[in-house]
N, C-alpha and C. Protein backbone atom coordinates (compact mmCIF):
# COMPACT_ATOMS: atom_id res chain seq x y z
N MET A 1 -4.66 17.85 -7.27
CA MET A 1 -3.97 16.89 -6.25
C MET A 1 -4.69 15.78 -6.31
N ALA A 2 -3.85 14.63 -6.07
CA ALA A 2 -4.70 13.15 -5.97
C ALA A 2 -5.71 13.13 -4.80
N THR A 3 -6.46 12.40 -4.97
CA THR A 3 -7.08 11.90 -3.51
C THR A 3 -6.92 10.53 -3.30
N ILE A 4 -6.71 9.96 -1.79
CA ILE A 4 -6.23 8.64 -1.83
C ILE A 4 -7.30 7.63 -1.14
N GLU A 5 -8.63 8.62 -0.43
CA GLU A 5 -9.08 7.88 0.78
C GLU A 5 -9.83 6.87 -0.13
N GLY A 6 -10.61 5.73 0.56
CA GLY A 6 -11.24 4.55 -0.25
C GLY A 6 -10.76 3.22 0.27
N GLN A 7 -11.29 2.21 -0.57
CA GLN A 7 -10.90 0.79 -0.67
C GLN A 7 -10.20 0.30 -1.82
N TRP A 8 -8.90 -0.26 -1.77
CA TRP A 8 -8.42 -0.61 -3.05
C TRP A 8 -7.95 -1.45 -3.20
N ASP A 9 -8.40 -2.35 -4.02
CA ASP A 9 -8.12 -4.00 -4.92
C ASP A 9 -6.60 -3.88 -4.97
N CYS A 10 -5.39 -4.25 -4.46
CA CYS A 10 -4.30 -4.25 -4.81
C CYS A 10 -3.81 -5.98 -4.84
N GLU A 11 -2.77 -5.59 -6.25
CA GLU A 11 -1.91 -6.95 -6.43
C GLU A 11 -0.80 -6.22 -6.07
N VAL A 12 0.29 -7.65 -5.40
CA VAL A 12 1.88 -7.27 -5.50
C VAL A 12 2.55 -8.62 -5.89
N ASP A 13 3.30 -8.37 -7.35
CA ASP A 13 3.91 -9.40 -7.78
C ASP A 13 5.31 -9.92 -6.75
N SER A 14 5.18 -10.90 -6.23
CA SER A 14 6.68 -11.48 -5.51
C SER A 14 6.95 -12.73 -5.68
N PRO A 15 8.11 -12.87 -5.18
CA PRO A 15 8.76 -14.49 -5.65
C PRO A 15 7.61 -15.55 -5.12
N ILE A 16 7.22 -15.23 -4.37
CA ILE A 16 6.09 -16.55 -3.86
C ILE A 16 4.76 -16.21 -4.86
N GLY A 17 4.56 -15.66 -5.67
CA GLY A 17 3.51 -15.47 -6.51
C GLY A 17 3.07 -14.02 -6.39
N GLN A 18 1.60 -13.76 -6.99
CA GLN A 18 0.57 -12.59 -6.88
C GLN A 18 -0.07 -12.72 -5.50
N GLN A 19 0.19 -11.67 -4.99
CA GLN A 19 -0.26 -11.45 -3.65
C GLN A 19 -1.56 -10.23 -3.92
N LYS A 20 -2.58 -10.57 -3.45
CA LYS A 20 -3.78 -10.06 -3.35
C LYS A 20 -4.34 -9.53 -2.12
N SER A 21 -4.88 -7.83 -2.02
CA SER A 21 -5.35 -7.62 -0.94
C SER A 21 -6.27 -6.44 -0.99
N VAL A 22 -6.83 -6.27 0.38
CA VAL A 22 -7.36 -5.29 -0.08
C VAL A 22 -7.35 -3.65 1.09
N MET A 23 -6.88 -2.73 0.52
CA MET A 23 -6.40 -1.48 1.27
C MET A 23 -7.20 -0.97 1.58
N THR A 24 -7.42 -0.39 2.59
CA THR A 24 -8.57 0.70 3.33
C THR A 24 -7.72 1.88 3.88
N ILE A 25 -8.03 2.98 3.15
CA ILE A 25 -7.35 4.01 3.32
C ILE A 25 -8.13 5.15 3.68
N VAL A 26 -7.79 5.69 4.85
CA VAL A 26 -8.42 7.02 5.63
C VAL A 26 -7.34 8.59 5.92
N SER A 27 -7.97 9.37 5.45
CA SER A 27 -7.23 10.55 5.88
C SER A 27 -7.20 10.72 7.61
N LYS A 28 -6.04 11.32 8.01
CA LYS A 28 -5.99 11.69 9.46
C LYS A 28 -5.98 13.14 9.43
N PRO A 29 -6.69 13.69 10.62
CA PRO A 29 -6.76 14.98 11.00
C PRO A 29 -5.34 15.37 10.99
N GLY A 30 -5.19 16.68 10.49
CA GLY A 30 -3.78 17.19 10.26
C GLY A 30 -2.99 16.97 9.57
N GLY A 31 -3.62 15.88 8.15
CA GLY A 31 -2.89 15.79 7.29
C GLY A 31 -2.59 14.13 7.44
N GLY A 32 -2.17 13.82 5.76
CA GLY A 32 -1.75 12.30 5.80
C GLY A 32 -2.75 11.17 5.72
N PHE A 33 -2.08 9.86 6.14
CA PHE A 33 -3.53 9.11 5.88
C PHE A 33 -3.09 7.79 6.40
N ALA A 34 -3.78 6.80 6.95
CA ALA A 34 -3.58 5.40 7.34
C ALA A 34 -4.36 4.54 6.96
N GLY A 35 -4.46 3.13 7.28
CA GLY A 35 -5.32 2.47 7.00
C GLY A 35 -5.01 1.07 7.70
N THR A 36 -5.25 -0.06 6.35
CA THR A 36 -4.99 -1.15 6.84
C THR A 36 -5.17 -2.03 5.15
N ASN A 37 -4.66 -3.07 5.40
CA ASN A 37 -4.01 -3.75 3.76
C ASN A 37 -4.29 -5.11 4.53
N THR A 38 -5.46 -5.81 3.94
CA THR A 38 -6.04 -7.17 4.57
C THR A 38 -6.12 -7.99 3.40
N GLY A 39 -5.16 -9.60 3.62
CA GLY A 39 -5.01 -10.39 2.09
C GLY A 39 -5.34 -11.75 2.81
N PRO A 40 -5.07 -12.85 2.33
CA PRO A 40 -5.04 -13.79 2.91
C PRO A 40 -4.35 -14.32 4.27
N LEU A 41 -3.09 -13.75 4.38
CA LEU A 41 -2.32 -13.89 5.54
C LEU A 41 -2.50 -13.03 6.65
N GLY A 42 -3.65 -11.72 6.48
CA GLY A 42 -3.59 -11.81 7.69
C GLY A 42 -3.92 -9.75 7.24
N SER A 43 -3.91 -8.93 8.22
CA SER A 43 -4.14 -7.80 8.48
C SER A 43 -2.91 -7.30 8.45
N LEU A 44 -2.38 -5.71 7.93
CA LEU A 44 -1.31 -5.29 8.10
C LEU A 44 -1.91 -3.06 8.50
N ASP A 45 -1.14 -2.57 9.30
CA ASP A 45 -1.69 -1.62 9.36
C ASP A 45 -0.63 -0.51 8.16
N ILE A 46 -1.54 0.14 7.83
CA ILE A 46 -0.89 1.34 6.85
C ILE A 46 -0.40 2.36 7.96
N THR A 47 0.75 3.18 8.04
CA THR A 47 1.60 3.90 8.54
C THR A 47 2.24 5.07 7.75
N ASP A 48 2.59 6.28 8.23
CA ASP A 48 2.94 7.01 8.08
C ASP A 48 3.06 7.67 6.71
N GLY A 49 1.83 7.92 6.23
CA GLY A 49 1.06 7.97 4.69
C GLY A 49 1.15 9.10 4.42
N THR A 50 1.39 9.41 3.73
CA THR A 50 1.92 11.08 3.12
C THR A 50 1.56 10.89 1.44
N LEU A 51 0.62 12.11 1.03
CA LEU A 51 0.27 12.25 -0.32
C LEU A 51 0.73 13.50 -0.62
N THR A 52 1.75 13.73 -1.50
CA THR A 52 2.08 14.99 -2.07
C THR A 52 2.02 15.04 -3.68
N GLY A 53 1.32 15.82 -4.01
CA GLY A 53 0.67 15.69 -5.30
C GLY A 53 -0.06 14.19 -5.65
N ASP A 54 0.69 13.86 -6.86
CA ASP A 54 0.21 12.68 -6.79
C ASP A 54 0.70 11.30 -6.39
N THR A 55 1.54 11.63 -5.41
CA THR A 55 2.82 10.67 -5.10
C THR A 55 2.24 10.10 -3.60
N ALA A 56 2.38 8.91 -3.27
CA ALA A 56 1.69 8.34 -2.05
C ALA A 56 2.90 7.54 -1.52
N ARG A 57 3.15 8.12 -0.33
CA ARG A 57 3.98 7.34 0.86
C ARG A 57 3.25 6.60 1.77
N PHE A 58 3.91 5.48 2.32
CA PHE A 58 3.33 4.68 3.09
C PHE A 58 4.23 3.52 3.69
N ARG A 59 3.96 3.00 5.25
CA ARG A 59 5.02 1.86 5.51
C ARG A 59 3.71 1.16 5.80
N MET A 60 4.06 -0.19 5.53
CA MET A 60 3.55 -1.63 6.40
C MET A 60 4.40 -2.45 7.16
N GLU A 61 4.41 -3.07 8.38
CA GLU A 61 5.09 -4.13 8.98
C GLU A 61 4.83 -5.18 9.00
N LEU A 62 5.44 -6.40 8.48
CA LEU A 62 5.23 -7.81 8.23
C LEU A 62 5.78 -8.35 9.59
N THR A 63 5.02 -9.34 10.41
CA THR A 63 5.13 -9.81 11.43
C THR A 63 5.71 -11.18 11.20
N ALA A 64 4.59 -11.82 9.88
CA ALA A 64 4.55 -13.19 9.98
C ALA A 64 4.73 -13.38 8.16
N PRO A 65 5.46 -14.64 7.86
CA PRO A 65 6.20 -15.61 8.62
C PRO A 65 7.68 -14.97 9.14
N PHE A 66 7.75 -13.71 9.16
CA PHE A 66 9.31 -13.20 9.72
C PHE A 66 8.93 -11.80 9.49
N PRO A 67 9.58 -11.21 10.47
CA PRO A 67 9.25 -9.29 10.64
C PRO A 67 10.36 -8.71 9.24
N MET A 68 9.40 -8.07 8.69
CA MET A 68 10.33 -7.27 7.34
C MET A 68 8.88 -6.03 7.57
N LYS A 69 9.80 -4.54 7.58
CA LYS A 69 9.33 -3.22 7.09
C LYS A 69 8.94 -3.13 5.76
N LEU A 70 8.10 -2.41 5.58
CA LEU A 70 8.06 -2.57 3.48
C LEU A 70 7.69 -0.68 3.62
N GLU A 71 8.35 -0.50 2.72
CA GLU A 71 8.33 0.96 2.27
C GLU A 71 7.70 1.18 0.87
N CYS A 72 6.45 1.59 0.90
CA CYS A 72 5.83 1.61 -0.59
C CYS A 72 5.91 3.12 -0.93
N GLU A 73 5.91 3.30 -2.38
CA GLU A 73 5.62 4.49 -3.33
C GLU A 73 4.70 4.54 -4.20
N ALA A 74 3.63 5.10 -4.58
CA ALA A 74 2.90 4.86 -5.66
C ALA A 74 2.28 6.09 -5.76
N THR A 75 2.32 6.05 -7.54
CA THR A 75 1.36 7.27 -8.39
C THR A 75 0.13 7.17 -8.32
N VAL A 76 -0.59 7.95 -7.82
CA VAL A 76 -2.12 8.10 -7.68
C VAL A 76 -2.67 8.69 -9.28
N ALA A 77 -3.63 7.87 -9.80
CA ALA A 77 -4.16 8.66 -10.92
C ALA A 77 -5.51 8.15 -11.01
N GLY A 78 -6.55 9.42 -10.78
CA GLY A 78 -7.86 8.82 -10.38
C GLY A 78 -8.25 7.84 -9.80
N ASP A 79 -8.85 6.52 -9.91
CA ASP A 79 -8.68 5.39 -9.44
C ASP A 79 -8.28 4.35 -9.44
N SER A 80 -6.69 4.99 -10.12
CA SER A 80 -5.63 3.45 -10.24
C SER A 80 -4.40 4.20 -9.51
N MET A 81 -3.52 3.18 -9.13
CA MET A 81 -2.42 3.05 -8.38
C MET A 81 -1.37 2.46 -8.46
N THR A 82 -0.31 2.64 -9.08
CA THR A 82 1.20 1.97 -9.64
C THR A 82 2.12 2.31 -8.47
N GLY A 83 2.96 1.39 -8.60
CA GLY A 83 4.27 1.38 -7.70
C GLY A 83 5.19 0.77 -7.36
N THR A 84 5.98 0.62 -6.17
CA THR A 84 6.98 -0.33 -5.58
C THR A 84 6.61 -0.32 -4.04
N ILE A 85 6.81 -1.51 -3.71
CA ILE A 85 6.99 -1.74 -2.46
C ILE A 85 8.34 -2.39 -2.09
N ASP A 86 8.96 -1.85 -1.21
CA ASP A 86 10.60 -1.97 -1.18
C ASP A 86 10.75 -3.07 0.34
N THR A 87 11.42 -3.92 -0.17
CA THR A 87 11.15 -5.16 1.16
C THR A 87 12.64 -5.31 1.95
N GLY A 88 13.55 -4.02 1.52
CA GLY A 88 14.76 -4.38 1.71
C GLY A 88 15.69 -5.25 1.29
N ALA A 89 16.37 -6.05 2.06
CA ALA A 89 16.91 -7.18 1.46
C ALA A 89 16.20 -8.18 0.35
N PHE A 90 15.14 -8.11 0.34
CA PHE A 90 14.19 -8.96 -0.58
C PHE A 90 13.99 -8.13 -1.82
N GLY A 91 14.45 -6.84 -2.10
CA GLY A 91 14.02 -6.22 -3.03
C GLY A 91 12.60 -5.43 -3.24
N ARG A 92 12.68 -4.82 -4.45
CA ARG A 92 11.14 -4.20 -4.62
C ARG A 92 10.35 -5.23 -5.41
N PHE A 93 9.08 -4.85 -5.35
CA PHE A 93 7.97 -5.59 -5.89
C PHE A 93 7.19 -4.77 -6.33
N PRO A 94 6.47 -4.78 -7.96
CA PRO A 94 5.70 -3.63 -8.46
C PRO A 94 4.36 -3.96 -7.67
N LEU A 95 3.44 -2.94 -7.68
CA LEU A 95 2.29 -2.86 -6.84
C LEU A 95 1.51 -2.41 -7.65
N LYS A 96 0.30 -2.80 -8.06
CA LYS A 96 -0.55 -2.23 -8.55
C LYS A 96 -2.03 -2.12 -7.89
N ALA A 97 -2.94 -0.98 -7.98
CA ALA A 97 -4.44 -1.38 -7.13
C ALA A 97 -5.49 -0.16 -8.18
N THR A 98 -6.45 -0.62 -7.75
CA THR A 98 -7.74 -0.02 -8.44
C THR A 98 -9.12 0.46 -7.05
N ARG A 99 -8.86 1.57 -7.23
CA ARG A 99 -10.34 2.00 -6.29
C ARG A 99 -11.54 1.51 -6.37
N ARG A 100 -11.86 0.68 -5.25
CA ARG A 100 -13.55 0.24 -5.63
C ARG A 100 -14.45 1.16 -5.74
N GLY A 101 -15.65 1.09 -6.61
CA GLY A 101 -16.44 2.10 -6.77
C GLY A 101 -17.18 2.16 -5.35
């Protein structure tokens, strides 16, 4: 089973260009995970995190420049994570992250 705790350097390819951030993920008592995703536009809470095998699923809620719920799914392989962020009406964007040493 994969582990997801730690700090991750994250890149998302979006219509407004590549967005870089740092995700900090911690395990929650009783299972699951939570954390923050911090980038140039501010910080988002990571909520509802689950890790099943090597598949991570979590949510983030963007408030600026306009409200948007982000549904994320990624495969964790060692210190790499690849997947997508589903923005709803704006489509899905590729997510790539590398765990910091």
